[in-house]
């Protein structure tokens, strides 16, 4: 691996963590001697282009006693290795991609290691080892079928044994379909906000009988909207790119545990079906309590953690940044603040360093003594703003827009927090995640002050305690 060519050095010198990136690339070279580093221009889905480094080469895959090489391409963002690579398969024109759990139709690779990326615990060598293991279970390429030929993984792997990397084109775009489950005020608000904000081909509102939040679908039936379908059957959601669950099944039970259990029971009847109908969809949870219900949905759906997120603290984060930049700081500086943790009094605020002129978050930084008065004042102003249906609906639409357009924008959404900042339990908290068509990629943790650290730990302990009492 040659890091001294002029084109590579020119781009590498612009990387924010240049020395750490070089060390990581050298580690890759020691294990994968045929991997090459090259310069190139990556085009994001919003047409933004950026000169980046890329790793190209083959990974060994064993199948039925034979070893084969699969070609991979890893784009390294300029905050590498603290942000994960963008990974692709790149077959020749004679091959087709076998869509599956870990590869989409464009060849984009999705793995738990990418979602949970946390350098230095995470590394490219570890990621490539995970690719090998997953692709041995489910081969990701096959030869193009003919009228007298049926695809077989044996054909695929024999063909690509000595395949070299080429960069193919994109696949035709598929229909963008979004489904909203729950016909109450939040469901209706979400539908109207999505239609105003997002470019969708079809939007389905499903008013399920198990939900106690209902009543608005009749008006949508009367005043029909273009591209909007109203249904009472979960089957109408089939093939969705995003499925939003706003339904709640509130009971007359007095205890908090009993109320939550009622929602869990409702989810048991709908979440597995939704996942089966749209196995590649992103599940966006808005039922309450959102942290617990996102965890429940992940368990019941058997989808990847990157595919199951909750609305979490996205609304609070957007509001907090607005308050700081519009109300408290003269000459709007574009300062970005994030609300993370549990959607409760234990939520924590942190600062975010953003890429100039973009929505890309470079790193999180804790609130310092010098910025604490500003943050405390902004949080106090935030307290007076409730979670109204229409405001949460707008937040939902913003999240969906980032997903369906593969915008790679950062949102504070509910996600699996295990491994973030030393969290050892399987709990779901709001954390800054990059959102795209495959779901979420969690960003690296940050060292918090003792008070904020204690808040997160309390949230973790409370969730673990409650979850142990629920009947999934």
Protein backbone atom coordinates (compact mmCIF):
# COMPACT_ATOMS: atom_id res chain seq x y z
CA UNK A 1 0.00 0.00 0.00
CA UNK A 2 1.61 3.23 -1.20
CA UNK A 3 0.69 6.33 0.79
CA UNK A 4 3.38 8.49 -0.85
CA UNK A 5 1.90 9.09 -4.29
CA UNK A 6 1.18 12.75 -4.91
CA UNK A 7 -2.56 12.28 -5.40
CA UNK A 8 -2.91 10.29 -2.16
CA UNK A 9 -0.71 12.64 -0.11
CA UNK A 10 -2.63 15.68 -1.35
CA UNK A 11 -5.97 14.33 -0.10
CA UNK A 12 -4.56 12.67 3.01
CA UNK A 13 -3.13 16.00 4.18
CA UNK A 14 -6.70 17.35 4.32
CA UNK A 15 -7.92 14.59 6.66
CA UNK A 16 -8.75 15.87 10.10
CA UNK A 17 -7.03 13.00 11.90
CA UNK A 18 -4.23 12.46 9.39
CA UNK A 19 -1.75 10.67 11.64
CA UNK A 20 -4.36 8.34 13.10
CA UNK A 21 -5.68 7.62 9.59
CA UNK A 22 -2.16 6.73 8.39
CA UNK A 23 -1.70 4.36 11.33
CA UNK A 24 -5.01 2.65 10.56
CA UNK A 25 -4.12 2.27 6.86
CA UNK A 26 -0.72 0.80 7.78
CA UNK A 27 -2.50 -1.75 9.98
CA UNK A 28 -4.69 -2.71 7.00
CA UNK A 29 -1.61 -3.09 4.77
CA UNK A 30 0.00 -5.55 7.21
CA UNK A 31 -3.00 -7.90 7.11
CA UNK A 32 -4.38 -7.31 3.59
CA UNK A 33 -1.27 -6.91 1.46
CA UNK A 34 -3.20 -6.62 -1.82
CA UNK A 35 -5.35 -3.71 -0.62
CA UNK A 36 -4.58 -0.47 -2.46
CA UNK A 37 -5.31 3.09 -1.41
CA UNK A 38 -6.33 5.45 -4.18
CA UNK A 39 -7.75 8.94 -4.55
CA UNK A 40 -11.15 9.58 -6.04
CA UNK A 41 -14.21 11.80 -6.03
CA UNK A 42 -17.22 10.50 -4.10
CA UNK A 43 -20.67 11.79 -5.05
CA UNK A 44 -23.21 11.90 -2.23
CA UNK A 45 -26.92 11.45 -2.99
CA UNK A 46 -27.51 15.21 -2.68
CA UNK A 47 -24.99 15.63 -5.57
CA UNK A 48 -22.32 17.03 -3.23
CA UNK A 49 -18.91 15.83 -4.41
CA UNK A 50 -15.80 15.40 -2.31
CA UNK A 51 -12.25 14.24 -2.99
CA UNK A 52 -11.59 11.28 -0.71
CA UNK A 53 -9.35 8.27 -0.33
CA UNK A 54 -10.65 4.80 -1.07
CA UNK A 55 -9.44 1.31 -0.31
CA UNK A 56 -9.84 -1.18 -3.17
CA UNK A 57 -9.05 -4.86 -3.18
CA UNK A 58 -10.38 -8.34 -2.57
CA UNK A 59 -11.43 -10.18 0.56
CA UNK A 60 -11.10 -13.97 0.82
CA UNK A 61 -14.36 -15.88 1.19
CA UNK A 62 -14.56 -19.59 1.88
CA UNK A 63 -17.43 -21.56 0.42
CA UNK A 64 -17.90 -25.34 0.34
CA UNK A 65 -14.21 -26.04 0.89
CA UNK A 66 -12.90 -23.53 -1.64
CA UNK A 67 -11.49 -20.02 -1.21
CA UNK A 68 -12.60 -17.15 -3.46
CA UNK A 69 -11.95 -13.42 -3.72
CA UNK A 70 -14.72 -10.85 -3.55
CA UNK A 71 -14.01 -7.29 -4.74
CA UNK A 72 -14.76 -4.49 -2.29
CA UNK A 73 -14.44 -0.73 -2.27
CA UNK A 74 -14.25 1.34 0.93
CA UNK A 75 -14.59 5.13 0.75
CA UNK A 76 -12.87 6.86 3.68
CA UNK A 77 -14.52 10.08 4.86
CA UNK A 78 -12.19 12.91 5.91
CA UNK A 79 -12.94 12.24 9.59
CA UNK A 80 -11.72 8.63 9.21
CA UNK A 81 -11.04 6.53 11.28
CA UNK A 82 -13.48 8.09 13.74
CA UNK A 83 -16.30 7.69 11.22
CA UNK A 84 -16.90 4.37 9.43
CA UNK A 85 -16.07 3.77 5.77
CA UNK A 86 -18.78 3.74 3.12
CA UNK A 87 -18.50 0.21 1.75
CA UNK A 88 -19.52 -1.26 -1.60
CA UNK A 89 -19.24 -4.44 -3.62
CA UNK A 90 -18.16 -3.71 -7.18
CA UNK A 91 -18.79 -6.65 -9.54
CA UNK A 92 -18.15 -6.67 -13.27
CA UNK A 93 -20.90 -6.19 -15.84
CA UNK A 94 -21.29 -9.98 -16.03
CA UNK A 95 -22.34 -10.22 -12.40
CA UNK A 96 -25.41 -9.16 -10.46
CA UNK A 97 -25.76 -8.30 -6.81
CA UNK A 98 -27.77 -10.67 -4.65
CA UNK A 99 -29.71 -8.37 -2.36
CA UNK A 100 -29.79 -9.62 1.18
CA UNK A 101 -29.50 -8.76 4.81
CA UNK A 102 -26.10 -7.13 4.40
CA UNK A 103 -26.09 -5.85 0.79
CA UNK A 104 -28.59 -3.59 -0.97
CA UNK A 105 -29.39 -3.35 -4.67
CA UNK A 106 -26.65 -0.78 -5.28
CA UNK A 107 -23.98 -2.96 -3.72
CA UNK A 108 -23.82 -0.91 -0.54
CA UNK A 109 -22.66 -3.07 2.36
CA UNK A 110 -24.48 -2.85 5.72
CA UNK A 111 -23.02 -4.57 8.76
CA UNK A 112 -23.44 -4.29 12.54
CA UNK A 113 -19.78 -3.25 12.71
CA UNK A 114 -20.53 -0.18 10.58
CA UNK A 115 -23.56 0.79 12.66
CA UNK A 116 -21.68 0.37 15.94
CA UNK A 117 -18.39 1.85 14.70
CA UNK A 118 -16.38 3.25 17.61
CA UNK A 119 -12.68 3.77 16.91
CA UNK A 120 -10.22 2.59 18.27
CA UNK A 121 -12.33 -0.43 19.28
CA UNK A 122 -13.47 -0.61 15.66
CA UNK A 123 -10.96 -1.07 12.84
CA UNK A 124 -10.92 -1.69 9.10
CA UNK A 125 -9.27 -5.08 9.65
CA UNK A 126 -12.09 -6.05 11.99
CA UNK A 127 -14.65 -4.80 9.48
CA UNK A 128 -13.12 -6.82 6.63
CA UNK A 129 -13.12 -9.92 8.85
CA UNK A 130 -16.82 -9.34 9.55
CA UNK A 131 -17.49 -9.02 5.80
CA UNK A 132 -15.76 -12.34 5.18
CA UNK A 133 -17.80 -14.09 7.86
CA UNK A 134 -21.14 -12.67 6.69
CA UNK A 135 -20.50 -13.31 2.98
CA UNK A 136 -19.54 -16.91 3.69
CA UNK A 137 -23.01 -17.32 5.18
CA UNK A 138 -24.78 -15.48 2.35
CA UNK A 139 -22.83 -15.00 -0.93
CA UNK A 140 -23.56 -11.46 -2.21
CA UNK A 141 -22.94 -11.89 -5.98
CA UNK A 142 -24.16 -14.16 -8.76
CA UNK A 143 -23.82 -14.52 -12.51
CA UNK A 144 -26.45 -12.90 -14.69
CA UNK A 145 -29.29 -15.37 -15.33
CA UNK A 146 -30.20 -16.65 -18.76
CA UNK A 147 -33.38 -18.39 -19.89
CA UNK A 148 -31.81 -21.81 -19.28
CA UNK A 149 -29.86 -20.92 -16.17
CA UNK A 150 -30.76 -20.58 -12.53
CA UNK A 151 -28.51 -18.55 -10.18
CA UNK A 152 -26.37 -20.59 -7.88
CA UNK A 153 -23.88 -19.38 -5.28
CA UNK A 154 -21.39 -21.95 -6.66
CA UNK A 155 -21.53 -20.27 -10.08
CA UNK A 156 -21.03 -16.92 -8.47
CA UNK A 157 -18.01 -17.76 -6.36
CA UNK A 158 -16.25 -19.73 -9.07
CA UNK A 159 -16.64 -16.78 -11.42
CA UNK A 160 -15.27 -14.16 -9.04
CA UNK A 161 -12.31 -16.20 -7.78
CA UNK A 162 -9.84 -13.86 -9.53
CA UNK A 163 -12.15 -10.90 -10.04
CA UNK A 164 -10.63 -7.43 -9.86
CA UNK A 165 -12.43 -4.36 -8.63
CA UNK A 166 -14.39 -2.26 -11.08
CA UNK A 167 -16.77 0.54 -10.31
CA UNK A 168 -20.25 -0.13 -11.69
CA UNK A 169 -23.16 2.22 -12.16
CA UNK A 170 -26.21 2.78 -10.00
CA UNK A 171 -29.38 0.72 -10.21
CA UNK A 172 -32.67 2.25 -11.32
CA UNK A 173 -34.46 3.93 -8.48
CA UNK A 174 -37.35 2.03 -6.95
CA UNK A 175 -40.70 3.39 -5.84
CA UNK A 176 -40.43 5.37 -2.62
CA UNK A 177 -43.21 4.12 -0.39
CA UNK A 178 -43.75 5.14 3.24
CA UNK A 179 -46.31 3.62 5.62
CA UNK A 180 -47.63 5.20 8.82
CA UNK A 181 -49.16 2.87 11.41
CA UNK A 182 -51.74 4.53 13.67
CA UNK A 183 -54.63 6.82 12.73
CA UNK A 184 -54.59 9.20 15.70
CA UNK A 185 -53.53 12.84 15.82
CA UNK A 186 -49.83 11.98 15.53
CA UNK A 187 -50.43 9.64 12.61
CA UNK A 188 -52.40 12.29 10.72
CA UNK A 189 -49.80 14.97 11.56
CA UNK A 190 -47.06 12.66 10.30
CA UNK A 191 -48.90 12.01 7.02
CA UNK A 192 -49.45 15.72 6.33
CA UNK A 193 -45.86 16.61 7.27
CA UNK A 194 -44.39 13.83 5.13
CA UNK A 195 -46.44 14.92 2.12
CA UNK A 196 -45.25 18.51 2.57
CA UNK A 197 -41.57 17.67 3.20
CA UNK A 198 -40.69 14.43 1.43
CA UNK A 199 -40.62 13.20 -2.17
CA UNK A 200 -42.60 9.97 -1.86
CA UNK A 201 -44.43 8.07 -4.58
CA UNK A 202 -46.93 6.51 -2.21
CA UNK A 203 -47.94 7.12 1.40
CA UNK A 204 -50.11 4.59 3.25
CA UNK A 205 -51.89 5.37 6.52
CA UNK A 206 -52.97 2.21 8.35
CA UNK A 207 -55.51 2.64 11.16
CA UNK A 208 -55.12 -0.60 13.10
CA UNK A 209 -57.95 -1.68 15.44
CA UNK A 210 -55.52 -2.51 18.29
CA UNK A 211 -54.54 1.14 18.67
CA UNK A 212 -56.39 3.42 21.08
CA UNK A 213 -55.24 6.44 19.04
CA UNK A 214 -57.53 6.72 16.04
CA UNK A 215 -60.23 8.86 14.52
CA UNK A 216 -58.61 10.96 11.78
CA UNK A 217 -58.74 8.55 8.87
CA UNK A 218 -62.35 9.37 7.98
CA UNK A 219 -61.37 12.94 7.10
CA UNK A 220 -58.57 11.69 4.86
CA UNK A 221 -61.11 9.42 3.15
CA UNK A 222 -63.45 12.38 2.61
CA UNK A 223 -60.79 14.88 1.51
CA UNK A 224 -58.62 12.48 -0.46
CA UNK A 225 -55.00 13.51 -0.97
CA UNK A 226 -52.85 12.60 -3.97
CA UNK A 227 -50.54 9.61 -3.34
CA UNK A 228 -52.20 8.88 0.04
CA UNK A 229 -53.94 5.56 0.64
CA UNK A 230 -55.95 4.80 3.79
CA UNK A 231 -56.20 1.20 4.93
CA UNK A 232 -56.93 -0.97 7.95
CA UNK A 233 -54.72 -3.87 6.83
CA UNK A 234 -51.03 -4.21 7.65
CA UNK A 235 -50.55 -5.91 4.27
CA UNK A 236 -50.99 -2.49 2.62
CA UNK A 237 -47.51 -1.58 3.92
CA UNK A 238 -45.72 -4.22 1.83
CA UNK A 239 -42.57 -2.97 0.11
CA UNK A 240 -42.21 0.21 2.18
CA UNK A 241 -38.91 2.05 2.39
CA UNK A 242 -39.82 3.48 5.81
CA UNK A 243 -42.50 2.28 8.24
CA UNK A 244 -43.47 4.77 10.95
CA UNK A 245 -45.26 3.41 14.01
CA UNK A 246 -47.24 6.09 15.88
CA UNK A 247 -49.86 3.79 17.42
CA UNK A 248 -50.33 3.54 21.18
CA UNK A 249 -52.64 1.13 23.02
CA UNK A 250 -53.17 3.03 26.24
CA UNK A 251 -55.11 1.13 28.88
CA UNK A 252 -56.91 2.15 32.06
CA UNK A 253 -54.23 0.48 34.16
CA UNK A 254 -52.81 2.67 36.91
CA UNK A 255 -49.18 1.55 37.02
CA UNK A 256 -46.60 2.74 34.50
CA UNK A 257 -45.43 -0.85 33.96
CA UNK A 258 -48.98 -1.97 33.06
CA UNK A 259 -49.40 0.89 30.59
CA UNK A 260 -46.10 0.07 28.86
CA UNK A 261 -46.96 -3.65 28.81
CA UNK A 262 -50.18 -2.84 26.94
CA UNK A 263 -48.13 -1.21 24.18
CA UNK A 264 -45.69 -4.14 24.15
CA UNK A 265 -48.62 -6.54 23.70
CA UNK A 266 -49.91 -4.47 20.77
CA UNK A 267 -46.44 -4.44 19.17
CA UNK A 268 -46.25 -8.22 19.42
CA UNK A 269 -49.18 -8.41 17.01
CA UNK A 270 -47.90 -5.93 14.43
CA UNK A 271 -44.10 -5.53 14.42
CA UNK A 272 -43.15 -9.05 13.19
CA UNK A 273 -45.68 -8.72 10.35
CA UNK A 274 -44.40 -5.29 9.34
CA UNK A 275 -40.81 -6.60 9.24
CA UNK A 276 -41.85 -9.57 7.09
CA UNK A 277 -43.77 -7.35 4.67
CA UNK A 278 -40.88 -4.86 4.29
CA UNK A 279 -37.65 -6.61 5.33
CA UNK A 280 -35.42 -3.86 3.93
CA UNK A 281 -37.40 -0.99 5.47
CA UNK A 282 -36.30 1.34 8.22
CA UNK A 283 -38.65 1.10 11.21
CA UNK A 284 -39.16 4.55 12.75
CA UNK A 285 -40.81 4.33 16.17
CA UNK A 286 -42.88 7.18 17.63
CA UNK A 287 -44.95 5.23 20.17
CA UNK A 288 -44.40 6.04 23.83
CA UNK A 289 -42.17 5.59 25.75
CA UNK A 290 -40.05 5.84 22.62
CA UNK A 291 -36.79 4.49 24.08
CA UNK A 292 -38.44 1.33 25.40
CA UNK A 293 -40.70 0.81 22.40
CA UNK A 294 -37.80 1.17 19.94
CA UNK A 295 -35.98 -1.55 21.88
CA UNK A 296 -39.11 -3.73 21.84
CA UNK A 297 -39.53 -3.20 18.07
CA UNK A 298 -35.91 -4.21 17.45
CA UNK A 299 -36.32 -7.41 19.48
CA UNK A 300 -39.61 -8.36 17.86
CA UNK A 301 -38.65 -7.50 14.27
CA UNK A 302 -35.32 -9.37 14.09
CA UNK A 303 -34.03 -6.54 11.90
CA UNK A 304 -30.54 -5.04 12.10
CA UNK A 305 -30.02 -2.34 14.76
CA UNK A 306 -29.38 0.13 11.94
CA UNK A 307 -32.91 -0.51 10.61
CA UNK A 308 -34.79 0.25 13.84
CA UNK A 309 -34.70 3.80 15.22
CA UNK A 310 -36.96 6.06 17.26
CA UNK A 311 -37.83 9.74 16.96
CA UNK A 312 -36.06 10.25 20.30
CA UNK A 313 -34.50 13.65 20.92
CA UNK A 314 -34.47 14.82 17.29
CA UNK A 315 -37.10 17.50 17.94
CA UNK A 316 -35.38 18.71 21.12
CA UNK A 317 -32.02 18.89 19.31
CA UNK A 318 -33.42 20.97 16.47
CA UNK A 319 -35.19 23.26 18.91
CA UNK A 320 -32.13 23.66 21.13
CA UNK A 321 -29.90 24.69 18.21
CA UNK A 322 -32.56 27.12 17.02
CA UNK A 323 -32.88 28.70 20.47
CA UNK A 324 -29.12 29.12 20.78
CA UNK A 325 -28.59 30.58 17.30
CA UNK A 326 -31.71 32.72 17.00
CA UNK A 327 -32.56 33.81 20.55
CA UNK A 328 -29.28 33.78 22.48
CA UNK A 329 -26.37 34.29 20.09
CA UNK A 330 -26.07 37.41 17.97
CA UNK A 331 -25.34 37.01 14.26
CA UNK A 332 -26.45 33.38 13.94
CA UNK A 333 -23.18 31.45 14.13
CA UNK A 334 -24.67 28.13 13.09
CA UNK A 335 -23.65 26.55 16.37
CA UNK A 336 -25.04 23.02 16.61
CA UNK A 337 -26.21 21.51 19.89
CA UNK A 338 -27.44 17.97 20.41
CA UNK A 339 -29.74 16.47 23.01
CA UNK A 340 -28.79 12.88 23.75
CA UNK A 341 -29.84 10.15 26.16
CA UNK A 342 -33.33 9.37 27.37
CA UNK A 343 -36.42 11.38 26.39
CA UNK A 344 -36.92 12.48 30.00
CA UNK A 345 -35.48 14.85 32.57
CA UNK A 346 -32.22 12.89 32.33
CA UNK A 347 -31.44 14.02 28.79
CA UNK A 348 -28.00 15.54 28.22
CA UNK A 349 -26.83 18.35 25.92
CA UNK A 350 -23.55 18.31 23.99
CA UNK A 351 -21.99 20.47 21.30
CA UNK A 352 -21.36 19.28 17.75
CA UNK A 353 -18.59 20.39 15.41
CA UNK A 354 -20.08 20.43 11.93
CA UNK A 355 -18.43 20.29 8.52
CA UNK A 356 -18.66 23.87 7.17
CA UNK A 357 -21.53 24.28 4.73
CA UNK A 358 -22.90 20.76 5.29
CA UNK A 359 -25.08 18.74 7.66
CA UNK A 360 -22.20 16.39 8.45
CA UNK A 361 -21.19 16.12 12.10
CA UNK A 362 -17.43 15.80 12.63
CA UNK A 363 -17.27 15.25 16.37
CA UNK A 364 -19.13 15.76 19.64
CA UNK A 365 -17.69 17.84 22.44
CA UNK A 366 -18.95 18.10 26.03
CA UNK A 367 -20.26 21.36 27.47
CA UNK A 368 -17.31 23.23 28.99
CA UNK A 369 -17.32 25.63 31.94
CA UNK A 370 -17.21 28.56 29.54
CA UNK A 371 -20.22 27.41 27.48
CA UNK A 372 -22.28 26.00 30.36
CA UNK A 373 -24.16 29.27 31.12
CA UNK A 374 -25.27 29.52 27.48
CA UNK A 375 -26.35 25.88 27.33
CA UNK A 376 -28.16 26.05 30.70
CA UNK A 377 -30.14 29.08 29.58
CA UNK A 378 -31.06 27.42 26.29
CA UNK A 379 -32.19 24.25 28.08
CA UNK A 380 -34.35 26.30 30.43
CA UNK A 381 -36.06 27.95 27.43
CA UNK A 382 -36.52 24.50 25.88
CA UNK A 383 -38.51 23.25 28.89
CA UNK A 384 -41.56 25.32 28.00
CA UNK A 385 -42.05 23.65 24.64
CA UNK A 386 -44.17 20.52 24.62
CA UNK A 387 -44.22 17.51 22.30
CA UNK A 388 -47.32 18.39 20.28
CA UNK A 389 -48.57 16.09 17.54
CA UNK A 390 -47.85 18.51 14.73
CA UNK A 391 -44.33 19.30 15.98
CA UNK A 392 -43.46 15.61 16.35
CA UNK A 393 -44.99 15.06 12.90
CA UNK A 394 -42.60 17.64 11.44
CA UNK A 395 -39.70 15.93 13.21
CA UNK A 396 -40.76 12.57 11.73
CA UNK A 397 -40.88 14.11 8.25
CA UNK A 398 -37.37 15.51 8.65
CA UNK A 399 -36.01 12.10 9.62
CA UNK A 400 -37.79 10.37 6.73
CA UNK A 401 -36.52 12.96 4.25
CA UNK A 402 -32.93 12.16 5.27
CA UNK A 403 -33.58 8.43 4.84
CA UNK A 404 -35.41 8.35 1.49
CA UNK A 405 -33.01 10.83 -0.13
CA UNK A 406 -29.95 9.09 1.40
CA UNK A 407 -28.96 12.53 2.63
CA UNK A 408 -26.40 11.31 5.20
CA UNK A 409 -27.58 14.02 7.59
CA UNK A 410 -27.03 13.67 11.33
CA UNK A 411 -30.05 13.38 13.64
CA UNK A 412 -30.33 12.59 17.34
CA UNK A 413 -32.50 9.48 17.13
CA UNK A 414 -33.16 6.53 19.41
CA UNK A 415 -30.69 3.76 18.59
CA UNK A 416 -28.94 0.81 20.18
CA UNK A 417 -26.49 2.44 22.61
CA UNK A 418 -24.49 -0.63 23.59
CA UNK A 419 -20.78 0.16 23.27
CA UNK A 420 -21.27 3.93 23.03
CA UNK A 421 -19.28 5.79 25.68
CA UNK A 422 -18.66 2.58 27.61
CA UNK A 423 -22.35 1.56 27.87
CA UNK A 424 -22.36 -2.20 28.35
CA UNK A 425 -26.10 -2.93 28.34
CA UNK A 426 -28.44 -3.45 25.41
CA UNK A 427 -30.46 -0.25 25.82
CA UNK A 428 -31.80 2.29 23.35
CA UNK A 429 -30.99 5.98 23.80
CA UNK A 430 -30.98 9.06 21.57
CA UNK A 431 -27.54 9.50 20.01
CA UNK A 432 -26.33 11.40 16.93
CA UNK A 433 -26.63 9.07 13.93
CA UNK A 434 -26.02 9.60 10.23
CA UNK A 435 -29.22 8.65 8.40
CA UNK A 436 -29.48 7.26 4.89
CA UNK A 437 -31.49 4.76 2.87
CA UNK A 438 -30.08 1.81 4.84
CA UNK A 439 -30.94 3.36 8.19
CA UNK A 440 -28.62 4.73 10.84
CA UNK A 441 -24.89 4.80 11.46
CA UNK A 442 -24.10 5.73 15.03
CA UNK A 443 -21.29 8.23 15.58
CA UNK A 444 -18.45 7.85 18.05
CA UNK A 445 -18.91 8.56 21.75
CA UNK A 446 -17.68 11.50 23.79
CA UNK A 447 -16.32 11.89 27.32
CA UNK A 448 -18.99 13.62 29.40
CA UNK A 449 -18.74 15.53 32.65
CA UNK A 450 -19.53 13.64 35.84
CA UNK A 451 -23.06 15.11 36.17
CA UNK A 452 -24.04 14.26 32.58
CA UNK A 453 -22.37 10.86 32.84
CA UNK A 454 -24.48 10.12 35.91
CA UNK A 455 -27.67 11.07 34.04
CA UNK A 456 -26.90 8.60 31.26
CA UNK A 457 -26.06 5.86 33.74
CA UNK A 458 -29.35 6.45 35.57
CA UNK A 459 -31.23 6.19 32.28
CA UNK A 460 -29.47 2.94 31.44
CA UNK A 461 -30.21 1.46 34.89
CA UNK A 462 -33.90 2.47 34.73
CA UNK A 463 -34.34 0.98 31.27
CA UNK A 464 -32.66 -2.29 32.21
CA UNK A 465 -34.86 -2.56 35.31
CA UNK A 466 -38.07 -1.86 33.39
CA UNK A 467 -37.18 -4.13 30.50
CA UNK A 468 -36.59 -7.08 32.82
CA UNK A 469 -40.19 -6.74 34.02
CA UNK A 470 -41.80 -6.66 30.57
CA UNK A 471 -43.23 -9.72 28.83
CA UNK A 472 -41.99 -9.51 25.25
